[in-house]
Amino acid sequence: MSTTLSRQAADAKPQRHRRLGLWYRAGWRFNYVMLGVYGPAQLGGDGQPDPRVLMRQERADRARALSTTERPARRMLR
């Protein structure tokens, strides 16, 4: 019978106590917006650049190296 009373007591709680708090919801929305604006945190605080940045730099270096060296003309095969 005690479980029945505790269930009735739980059902008697106001609805607002079952929802997430206003400050929690506001904080979550703030984090959601800031993540959308600024993106995720950048890892590699030890001076290690982002792998995507490294890849872009390497690609730009290769393109620069190819554009500065003269390539031999291709022979046309008939």
N, C-alpha and C. Protein backbone atom coordinates (compact mmCIF):
# COMPACT_ATOMS: atom_id res chain seq x y z
N MET A 1 0.81 -1.18 0.00
CA MET A 1 0.00 0.00 0.00
C MET A 1 0.87 1.26 0.00
N SER A 2 2.09 1.17 0.50
CA SER A 2 2.97 2.34 0.54
C SER A 2 3.38 2.76 -0.87
N THR A 3 3.51 1.79 -1.80
CA THR A 3 3.86 2.17 -3.17
C THR A 3 2.72 2.93 -3.83
N THR A 4 1.49 2.57 -3.49
CA THR A 4 0.35 3.27 -4.06
C THR A 4 0.33 4.72 -3.56
N LEU A 5 0.63 4.91 -2.30
CA LEU A 5 0.65 6.26 -1.75
C LEU A 5 1.78 7.09 -2.35
N SER A 6 2.94 6.46 -2.54
CA SER A 6 4.06 7.21 -3.10
C SER A 6 3.80 7.57 -4.55
N ARG A 7 3.11 6.70 -5.29
CA ARG A 7 2.76 7.03 -6.67
C ARG A 7 1.76 8.17 -6.70
N GLN A 8 0.82 8.15 -5.79
CA GLN A 8 -0.15 9.23 -5.74
C GLN A 8 0.54 10.54 -5.34
N ALA A 9 1.49 10.45 -4.45
CA ALA A 9 2.23 11.65 -4.04
C ALA A 9 3.05 12.18 -5.21
N ALA A 10 3.63 11.28 -6.00
CA ALA A 10 4.41 11.70 -7.16
C ALA A 10 3.50 12.33 -8.21
N ASP A 11 2.31 11.77 -8.38
CA ASP A 11 1.38 12.33 -9.34
C ASP A 11 0.83 13.68 -8.88
N ALA A 12 0.85 13.92 -7.59
CA ALA A 12 0.31 15.15 -7.05
C ALA A 12 1.29 16.32 -7.20
N LYS A 13 2.57 16.06 -7.58
CA LYS A 13 3.54 17.13 -7.75
C LYS A 13 3.10 18.04 -8.90
N PRO A 14 3.36 19.30 -8.78
CA PRO A 14 3.03 20.20 -9.87
C PRO A 14 3.81 19.83 -11.13
N GLN A 15 3.25 20.12 -12.26
CA GLN A 15 3.86 19.73 -13.55
C GLN A 15 5.21 20.42 -13.76
N ARG A 16 5.39 21.60 -13.23
CA ARG A 16 6.63 22.34 -13.48
C ARG A 16 7.86 21.66 -12.87
N HIS A 17 7.70 20.83 -11.89
CA HIS A 17 8.83 20.14 -11.30
C HIS A 17 9.30 18.97 -12.15
N ARG A 18 8.53 18.57 -13.09
CA ARG A 18 8.92 17.45 -13.96
C ARG A 18 9.65 17.93 -15.20
N ARG A 19 9.58 19.19 -15.52
CA ARG A 19 10.23 19.73 -16.71
C ARG A 19 11.63 20.21 -16.37
N LEU A 20 12.41 20.48 -17.42
CA LEU A 20 13.74 21.04 -17.23
C LEU A 20 13.61 22.49 -16.78
N GLY A 21 14.57 22.94 -16.01
CA GLY A 21 14.53 24.30 -15.48
C GLY A 21 14.72 25.34 -16.56
N LEU A 22 14.24 26.53 -16.28
CA LEU A 22 14.34 27.62 -17.24
C LEU A 22 15.80 27.96 -17.53
N TRP A 23 16.64 28.03 -16.50
CA TRP A 23 18.05 28.35 -16.70
C TRP A 23 18.78 27.25 -17.44
N TYR A 24 18.40 26.01 -17.19
CA TYR A 24 19.02 24.90 -17.93
C TYR A 24 18.68 25.01 -19.41
N ARG A 25 17.41 25.26 -19.71
CA ARG A 25 16.99 25.38 -21.11
C ARG A 25 17.64 26.59 -21.78
N ALA A 26 17.74 27.71 -21.05
CA ALA A 26 18.38 28.90 -21.62
C ALA A 26 19.86 28.64 -21.87
N GLY A 27 20.52 27.97 -20.94
CA GLY A 27 21.94 27.65 -21.13
C GLY A 27 22.17 26.70 -22.29
N TRP A 28 21.28 25.72 -22.41
CA TRP A 28 21.41 24.78 -23.52
C TRP A 28 21.23 25.49 -24.85
N ARG A 29 20.26 26.38 -24.93
CA ARG A 29 20.01 27.13 -26.17
C ARG A 29 21.20 28.03 -26.48
N PHE A 30 21.78 28.66 -25.46
CA PHE A 30 22.95 29.51 -25.66
C PHE A 30 24.10 28.68 -26.23
N ASN A 31 24.36 27.51 -25.64
CA ASN A 31 25.43 26.65 -26.15
C ASN A 31 25.16 26.21 -27.58
N TYR A 32 23.91 25.90 -27.89
CA TYR A 32 23.53 25.47 -29.23
C TYR A 32 23.81 26.58 -30.25
N VAL A 33 23.42 27.79 -29.91
CA VAL A 33 23.63 28.92 -30.82
C VAL A 33 25.11 29.21 -30.98
N MET A 34 25.85 29.22 -29.87
CA MET A 34 27.27 29.52 -29.95
C MET A 34 28.03 28.46 -30.74
N LEU A 35 27.63 27.22 -30.61
CA LEU A 35 28.25 26.15 -31.40
C LEU A 35 27.97 26.36 -32.88
N GLY A 36 26.77 26.80 -33.20
CA GLY A 36 26.43 27.07 -34.59
C GLY A 36 27.18 28.26 -35.15
N VAL A 37 27.45 29.25 -34.32
CA VAL A 37 28.13 30.46 -34.79
C VAL A 37 29.63 30.26 -34.86
N TYR A 38 30.22 29.74 -33.80
CA TYR A 38 31.67 29.64 -33.72
C TYR A 38 32.22 28.26 -34.03
N GLY A 39 31.40 27.25 -34.06
CA GLY A 39 31.86 25.90 -34.33
C GLY A 39 32.39 25.23 -33.08
N PRO A 40 32.78 23.97 -33.21
CA PRO A 40 33.26 23.24 -32.04
C PRO A 40 34.62 23.77 -31.59
N ALA A 41 34.96 23.42 -30.38
CA ALA A 41 36.24 23.86 -29.83
C ALA A 41 37.38 23.27 -30.65
N GLN A 42 38.42 24.03 -30.81
CA GLN A 42 39.57 23.57 -31.56
C GLN A 42 40.49 22.79 -30.63
N LEU A 43 40.74 21.57 -30.96
CA LEU A 43 41.63 20.74 -30.16
C LEU A 43 43.06 20.97 -30.60
N GLY A 44 44.00 20.48 -29.84
CA GLY A 44 45.40 20.64 -30.20
C GLY A 44 45.98 21.90 -29.60
N GLY A 45 45.75 22.13 -28.35
CA GLY A 45 46.24 23.32 -27.69
C GLY A 45 47.75 23.29 -27.48
N ASP A 46 48.41 22.20 -27.83
CA ASP A 46 49.86 22.09 -27.65
C ASP A 46 50.62 22.67 -28.84
N GLY A 47 49.97 23.54 -29.58
CA GLY A 47 50.62 24.12 -30.75
C GLY A 47 50.44 23.26 -31.99
N GLN A 48 49.66 22.23 -31.90
CA GLN A 48 49.41 21.38 -33.05
C GLN A 48 48.25 21.95 -33.85
N PRO A 49 48.48 22.30 -35.10
CA PRO A 49 47.40 22.86 -35.90
C PRO A 49 46.37 21.80 -36.27
N ASP A 50 45.24 22.26 -36.68
CA ASP A 50 44.15 21.41 -37.10
C ASP A 50 44.58 20.60 -38.33
N PRO A 51 44.24 19.31 -38.42
CA PRO A 51 44.63 18.51 -39.59
C PRO A 51 44.11 19.07 -40.91
N ARG A 52 42.93 19.67 -40.89
CA ARG A 52 42.40 20.25 -42.13
C ARG A 52 43.24 21.44 -42.57
N VAL A 53 43.73 22.22 -41.61
CA VAL A 53 44.58 23.35 -41.95
C VAL A 53 45.90 22.84 -42.54
N LEU A 54 46.45 21.80 -41.94
CA LEU A 54 47.69 21.21 -42.47
C LEU A 54 47.49 20.72 -43.90
N MET A 55 46.37 20.06 -44.15
CA MET A 55 46.10 19.54 -45.48
C MET A 55 45.99 20.67 -46.50
N ARG A 56 45.31 21.75 -46.12
CA ARG A 56 45.20 22.90 -47.03
C ARG A 56 46.55 23.51 -47.32
N GLN A 57 47.39 23.63 -46.28
CA GLN A 57 48.72 24.20 -46.48
C GLN A 57 49.57 23.32 -47.39
N GLU A 58 49.52 22.00 -47.16
CA GLU A 58 50.29 21.09 -48.01
C GLU A 58 49.81 21.14 -49.45
N ARG A 59 48.51 21.20 -49.64
CA ARG A 59 47.96 21.28 -50.99
C ARG A 59 48.39 22.58 -51.68
N ALA A 60 48.37 23.68 -50.94
CA ALA A 60 48.80 24.96 -51.51
C ALA A 60 50.29 24.92 -51.83
N ASP A 61 51.10 24.30 -50.97
CA ASP A 61 52.53 24.19 -51.23
C ASP A 61 52.80 23.36 -52.48
N ARG A 62 52.08 22.25 -52.64
CA ARG A 62 52.27 21.41 -53.83
C ARG A 62 51.86 22.17 -55.09
N ALA A 63 50.74 22.89 -55.03
CA ALA A 63 50.30 23.65 -56.19
C ALA A 63 51.31 24.74 -56.54
N ARG A 64 51.85 25.39 -55.51
CA ARG A 64 52.86 26.42 -55.74
C ARG A 64 54.12 25.82 -56.35
N ALA A 65 54.51 24.65 -55.87
CA ALA A 65 55.71 23.99 -56.39
C ALA A 65 55.50 23.56 -57.84
N LEU A 66 54.33 23.07 -58.17
CA LEU A 66 54.05 22.67 -59.55
C LEU A 66 53.97 23.86 -60.49
N SER A 67 53.46 24.96 -60.01
CA SER A 67 53.33 26.13 -60.88
C SER A 67 54.68 26.81 -61.12
N THR A 68 55.63 26.66 -60.23
CA THR A 68 56.94 27.32 -60.41
C THR A 68 57.89 26.47 -61.23
N THR A 69 57.74 25.15 -61.24
CA THR A 69 58.64 24.31 -62.02
C THR A 69 58.08 24.15 -63.43
N GLU A 70 58.97 24.08 -64.35
CA GLU A 70 58.54 23.90 -65.73
C GLU A 70 58.44 22.41 -66.01
N ARG A 71 57.31 22.06 -66.51
CA ARG A 71 57.11 20.65 -66.85
C ARG A 71 57.43 20.44 -68.32
N PRO A 72 58.04 19.32 -68.64
CA PRO A 72 58.32 19.05 -70.06
C PRO A 72 57.00 18.85 -70.82
N ALA A 73 57.03 19.26 -72.07
CA ALA A 73 55.82 19.13 -72.89
C ALA A 73 55.58 17.66 -73.17
N ARG A 74 54.34 17.28 -73.18
CA ARG A 74 54.00 15.89 -73.47
C ARG A 74 54.04 15.66 -74.98
N ARG A 75 54.53 14.51 -75.33
CA ARG A 75 54.53 14.16 -76.74
C ARG A 75 53.20 13.55 -77.09
N MET A 76 52.73 13.90 -78.22
CA MET A 76 51.45 13.35 -78.65
C MET A 76 51.72 12.01 -79.33
N LEU A 77 51.03 10.99 -78.90
CA LEU A 77 51.16 9.68 -79.51
C LEU A 77 50.11 9.54 -80.59
N ARG A 78 50.57 9.01 -81.72
CA ARG A 78 49.63 8.81 -82.81
C ARG A 78 49.43 7.37 -83.07
